Amino acid sequence: MKSQNRQLEYLCCVSHDCPGIVIVQHMPEHFTTAFANRLNGICRIEVKEATDGESVLRGQALIAPGNRHLMLKRSGARYHVEVKEGPLVCRHRPSVDVLFRSAARYAGKNAVGIIMTGMGDDGARGMLEMKQEGAYTIAQDEKTSVVFGMPQEAIKRNAVDKVLPLEAIAKEVLKIC
């Protein structure tokens, strides 16, 4: 758990007016609220557990509730999230692939996809879809990953534009945006 906190602390310690962030973290139900609250207490931006229909806003990060999929949707110029139950995807709920596929569909070139440390291949297919739709994609490097599985699978699929150490990811996102 400590390494998961460190990963997201780097991402969430960006400027107050950063683009909205939507996060899937493989965590069980009831843990994500406390996790979001802890990050909210130490990050410069507001971090909270996502609720269905909530707008994606500058200076805010929304974390998928445990045991629920999180999808990005668009209505005109407004991005919002949909939180729902559904089958396991890549053995997970929430699944990174579900979020990334929705980002590819609704945000395309307006999105930045980041895949960080984790076991398995969840997120690799969705990240490829994001890249194919014009999104900029980033994977955490092997040296700073606790488990290099998820980033490595995305890299193998040629779904990644840039591979960076953990401490350089937030800076790269701000540069791009």
Foldseek 3Di string as FASTA:
>chain_A
DVLVLVLVLLQQQDAQQAWFAEEEDQDAAPVQQVSQVVSCVRHNARGGAADAFAWRHGRYYHYHGHQWAWAWADDVPTIGIGTGHDDADQNGVHFLLRHLQRCLVHPQLVAEEEAAADAAATNLVSLQSSVVSNHAYEYEDPVQHPHCHHSVSNVVVVSHPYYYHSNCVNVVSRVVD
